[in-house]
N, C-alpha and C. Protein backbone atom coordinates (compact mmCIF):
# COMPACT_ATOMS: atom_id res chain seq x y z
N UNK A 1 43.24 26.08 8.51
CA UNK A 1 43.70 25.00 9.36
C UNK A 1 43.54 23.65 8.67
N UNK A 2 42.39 23.40 8.08
CA UNK A 2 42.13 22.09 7.47
C UNK A 2 43.10 21.81 6.33
N UNK A 3 43.50 22.86 5.60
CA UNK A 3 44.43 22.66 4.49
C UNK A 3 45.81 22.24 4.98
N UNK A 4 46.23 22.75 6.12
CA UNK A 4 47.56 22.49 6.66
C UNK A 4 47.66 21.13 7.35
N UNK A 5 46.58 20.66 7.91
CA UNK A 5 46.59 19.45 8.74
C UNK A 5 46.67 18.18 7.90
N UNK A 6 47.25 17.14 8.49
CA UNK A 6 47.26 15.82 7.88
C UNK A 6 46.05 15.01 8.34
N UNK A 7 45.57 15.30 9.54
CA UNK A 7 44.38 14.68 10.12
C UNK A 7 43.86 15.64 11.18
N UNK A 8 42.68 15.37 11.71
CA UNK A 8 42.11 16.25 12.72
C UNK A 8 41.86 15.54 14.04
N UNK A 9 42.03 16.27 15.12
CA UNK A 9 41.66 15.81 16.46
C UNK A 9 40.79 16.92 17.04
N UNK A 10 39.52 16.66 17.13
CA UNK A 10 38.57 17.67 17.55
C UNK A 10 37.97 17.34 18.91
N UNK A 11 37.84 18.36 19.73
CA UNK A 11 37.18 18.25 21.03
C UNK A 11 35.90 19.06 20.93
N UNK A 12 34.76 18.41 21.06
CA UNK A 12 33.47 19.08 20.87
C UNK A 12 32.71 19.18 22.17
N UNK A 13 32.24 20.38 22.48
CA UNK A 13 31.49 20.64 23.72
C UNK A 13 29.99 20.39 23.58
N UNK A 14 29.57 19.97 22.40
CA UNK A 14 28.16 19.72 22.16
C UNK A 14 27.42 20.95 21.65
N UNK A 15 28.13 22.08 21.52
CA UNK A 15 27.50 23.34 21.12
C UNK A 15 28.19 24.02 19.94
N UNK A 16 29.46 23.79 19.76
CA UNK A 16 30.25 24.54 18.79
C UNK A 16 29.97 24.12 17.35
N UNK A 17 29.43 25.06 16.60
CA UNK A 17 29.20 24.86 15.18
C UNK A 17 30.54 24.83 14.44
N UNK A 18 31.47 25.66 14.87
CA UNK A 18 32.78 25.73 14.21
C UNK A 18 33.52 24.41 14.23
N UNK A 19 33.45 23.71 15.34
CA UNK A 19 34.11 22.40 15.44
C UNK A 19 33.50 21.43 14.43
N UNK A 20 32.19 21.40 14.36
CA UNK A 20 31.53 20.50 13.41
C UNK A 20 31.88 20.85 11.97
N UNK A 21 31.97 22.13 11.67
CA UNK A 21 32.32 22.55 10.32
C UNK A 21 33.77 22.21 9.99
N UNK A 22 34.65 22.29 10.97
CA UNK A 22 36.04 21.91 10.73
C UNK A 22 36.15 20.42 10.42
N UNK A 23 35.33 19.61 11.06
CA UNK A 23 35.30 18.18 10.74
C UNK A 23 34.92 18.01 9.28
N UNK A 24 33.89 18.72 8.84
CA UNK A 24 33.44 18.62 7.45
C UNK A 24 34.53 19.06 6.48
N UNK A 25 35.23 20.14 6.83
CA UNK A 25 36.31 20.64 5.96
C UNK A 25 37.42 19.60 5.80
N UNK A 26 37.79 18.98 6.90
CA UNK A 26 38.84 17.94 6.84
C UNK A 26 38.38 16.75 6.00
N UNK A 27 37.15 16.33 6.21
CA UNK A 27 36.64 15.17 5.47
C UNK A 27 36.54 15.46 3.98
N UNK A 28 36.23 16.69 3.61
CA UNK A 28 36.18 17.07 2.20
C UNK A 28 37.54 16.89 1.53
N UNK A 29 38.60 16.98 2.33
CA UNK A 29 39.96 16.82 1.82
C UNK A 29 40.47 15.39 2.04
N UNK A 30 39.56 14.49 2.36
CA UNK A 30 39.87 13.06 2.55
C UNK A 30 40.87 12.84 3.68
N UNK A 31 40.70 13.60 4.75
CA UNK A 31 41.56 13.47 5.94
C UNK A 31 40.75 12.86 7.07
N UNK A 32 41.37 11.97 7.81
CA UNK A 32 40.72 11.30 8.93
C UNK A 32 40.57 12.27 10.10
N UNK A 33 39.48 12.08 10.87
CA UNK A 33 39.23 12.93 12.02
C UNK A 33 38.93 12.06 13.24
N UNK A 34 39.66 12.31 14.31
CA UNK A 34 39.36 11.72 15.61
C UNK A 34 38.61 12.80 16.37
N UNK A 35 37.47 12.43 16.94
CA UNK A 35 36.52 13.40 17.49
C UNK A 35 36.12 12.96 18.89
N UNK A 36 36.26 13.86 19.85
CA UNK A 36 35.81 13.57 21.21
C UNK A 36 34.56 14.40 21.48
N UNK A 37 33.47 13.73 21.79
CA UNK A 37 32.22 14.40 22.13
C UNK A 37 32.11 14.44 23.65
N UNK A 38 32.26 15.64 24.22
CA UNK A 38 32.19 15.79 25.68
C UNK A 38 30.82 15.38 26.23
N UNK A 39 29.71 15.76 25.58
CA UNK A 39 28.41 15.35 26.14
C UNK A 39 28.26 13.83 26.21
N UNK A 40 28.80 13.14 25.23
CA UNK A 40 28.70 11.68 25.19
C UNK A 40 29.85 10.99 25.92
N UNK A 41 30.90 11.77 26.20
CA UNK A 41 32.12 11.22 26.80
C UNK A 41 32.62 10.03 25.98
N UNK A 42 32.75 10.30 24.68
CA UNK A 42 33.10 9.21 23.76
C UNK A 42 33.95 9.74 22.62
N UNK A 43 34.86 8.89 22.16
CA UNK A 43 35.67 9.17 20.98
C UNK A 43 35.02 8.52 19.77
N UNK A 44 35.08 9.23 18.65
CA UNK A 44 34.59 8.70 17.38
C UNK A 44 35.68 8.94 16.34
N UNK A 45 35.66 8.15 15.29
CA UNK A 45 36.52 8.41 14.14
C UNK A 45 35.61 8.63 12.94
N UNK A 46 35.89 9.69 12.21
CA UNK A 46 35.16 9.95 10.98
C UNK A 46 36.12 9.73 9.82
N UNK A 47 35.69 8.92 8.87
CA UNK A 47 36.51 8.63 7.69
C UNK A 47 35.89 9.22 6.42
N UNK A 48 34.60 9.56 6.49
CA UNK A 48 33.95 10.13 5.31
C UNK A 48 32.77 11.00 5.73
N UNK A 49 32.29 11.76 4.78
CA UNK A 49 31.21 12.72 5.04
C UNK A 49 29.91 12.03 5.45
N UNK A 50 29.66 10.84 4.94
CA UNK A 50 28.43 10.12 5.30
C UNK A 50 28.39 9.82 6.79
N UNK A 51 29.51 9.42 7.37
CA UNK A 51 29.57 9.18 8.82
C UNK A 51 29.27 10.46 9.57
N UNK A 52 29.87 11.56 9.13
CA UNK A 52 29.67 12.86 9.79
C UNK A 52 28.21 13.28 9.71
N UNK A 53 27.61 13.13 8.54
CA UNK A 53 26.21 13.51 8.37
C UNK A 53 25.29 12.70 9.29
N UNK A 54 25.57 11.40 9.43
CA UNK A 54 24.77 10.57 10.35
C UNK A 54 24.91 11.08 11.78
N UNK A 55 26.13 11.44 12.17
CA UNK A 55 26.37 11.97 13.51
C UNK A 55 25.58 13.26 13.73
N UNK A 56 25.67 14.19 12.76
CA UNK A 56 24.98 15.47 12.90
C UNK A 56 23.47 15.25 13.00
N UNK A 57 22.94 14.38 12.17
CA UNK A 57 21.50 14.10 12.20
C UNK A 57 21.07 13.55 13.56
N UNK A 58 21.89 12.70 14.12
CA UNK A 58 21.55 12.04 15.39
C UNK A 58 21.86 12.90 16.61
N UNK A 59 23.06 13.49 16.65
CA UNK A 59 23.54 14.13 17.86
C UNK A 59 23.53 15.66 17.85
N UNK A 60 23.33 16.27 16.69
CA UNK A 60 23.36 17.73 16.65
C UNK A 60 22.34 18.30 15.68
N UNK A 61 21.12 17.75 15.64
CA UNK A 61 20.15 18.26 14.66
C UNK A 61 19.79 19.73 14.87
N UNK A 62 19.82 20.18 16.10
CA UNK A 62 19.47 21.57 16.38
C UNK A 62 20.51 22.55 15.84
N UNK A 63 21.72 22.06 15.55
CA UNK A 63 22.79 22.93 15.07
C UNK A 63 22.86 23.00 13.55
N UNK A 64 22.07 22.18 12.86
CA UNK A 64 22.12 22.15 11.39
C UNK A 64 21.86 23.52 10.77
N UNK A 65 20.86 24.21 11.23
CA UNK A 65 20.54 25.53 10.69
C UNK A 65 21.66 26.52 10.91
N UNK A 66 22.26 26.50 12.10
CA UNK A 66 23.37 27.41 12.40
C UNK A 66 24.58 27.08 11.52
N UNK A 67 24.81 25.79 11.26
CA UNK A 67 25.93 25.41 10.39
C UNK A 67 25.69 25.90 8.97
N UNK A 68 24.48 25.73 8.48
CA UNK A 68 24.15 26.19 7.12
C UNK A 68 24.31 27.70 7.01
N UNK A 69 23.88 28.44 8.04
CA UNK A 69 24.03 29.89 8.04
C UNK A 69 25.50 30.29 8.00
N UNK A 70 26.32 29.62 8.80
CA UNK A 70 27.75 29.95 8.86
C UNK A 70 28.43 29.66 7.53
N UNK A 71 28.10 28.54 6.91
CA UNK A 71 28.67 28.20 5.61
C UNK A 71 28.27 29.24 4.57
N UNK A 72 27.02 29.65 4.58
CA UNK A 72 26.56 30.67 3.64
C UNK A 72 27.31 31.98 3.83
N UNK A 73 27.52 32.38 5.08
CA UNK A 73 28.26 33.61 5.36
C UNK A 73 29.70 33.50 4.89
N UNK A 74 30.35 32.35 5.15
CA UNK A 74 31.74 32.17 4.73
C UNK A 74 31.86 32.23 3.22
N UNK A 75 30.94 31.60 2.51
CA UNK A 75 30.98 31.63 1.05
C UNK A 75 30.79 33.05 0.54
N UNK A 76 29.87 33.78 1.13
CA UNK A 76 29.63 35.16 0.71
C UNK A 76 30.86 36.03 0.95
N UNK A 77 31.54 35.84 2.08
CA UNK A 77 32.73 36.62 2.42
C UNK A 77 33.85 36.38 1.43
N UNK A 78 33.97 35.17 0.90
CA UNK A 78 35.04 34.85 -0.07
C UNK A 78 34.88 35.63 -1.36
N UNK A 79 33.64 35.95 -1.71
CA UNK A 79 33.40 36.57 -3.00
C UNK A 79 33.11 38.06 -2.94
N UNK A 80 33.12 38.64 -1.75
CA UNK A 80 32.90 40.07 -1.61
C UNK A 80 34.22 40.79 -1.89
N UNK A 81 34.18 41.75 -2.79
CA UNK A 81 35.38 42.52 -3.11
C UNK A 81 35.57 43.64 -2.10
N UNK A 82 36.82 43.98 -1.81
CA UNK A 82 37.06 45.11 -0.90
C UNK A 82 36.46 46.40 -1.47
N UNK A 83 36.01 47.27 -0.60
CA UNK A 83 35.35 48.50 -1.01
C UNK A 83 36.30 49.44 -1.76
N UNK A 84 37.60 49.36 -1.54
CA UNK A 84 38.56 50.30 -2.12
C UNK A 84 39.03 49.90 -3.51
N UNK A 85 38.47 48.86 -4.10
CA UNK A 85 38.93 48.43 -5.42
C UNK A 85 38.41 49.31 -6.51
């Protein structure tokens, strides 16, 4: 999704690790992200990874471990060869 998009519009429920990771993926590709945080009832714009990291540290510190786990799993899946090779 992040590769296809020109920018991102994310709706976050305050719990979804996937939404936060999609923001990071878009920012890595230098794409702007408009982000609605339902718990805060507020819109934010992210223009770079530093802004996103500050947000995660402040508003989603409990999800950092889950995000790191998911990224590790995704990286491992990319490099696992099919069993039938």
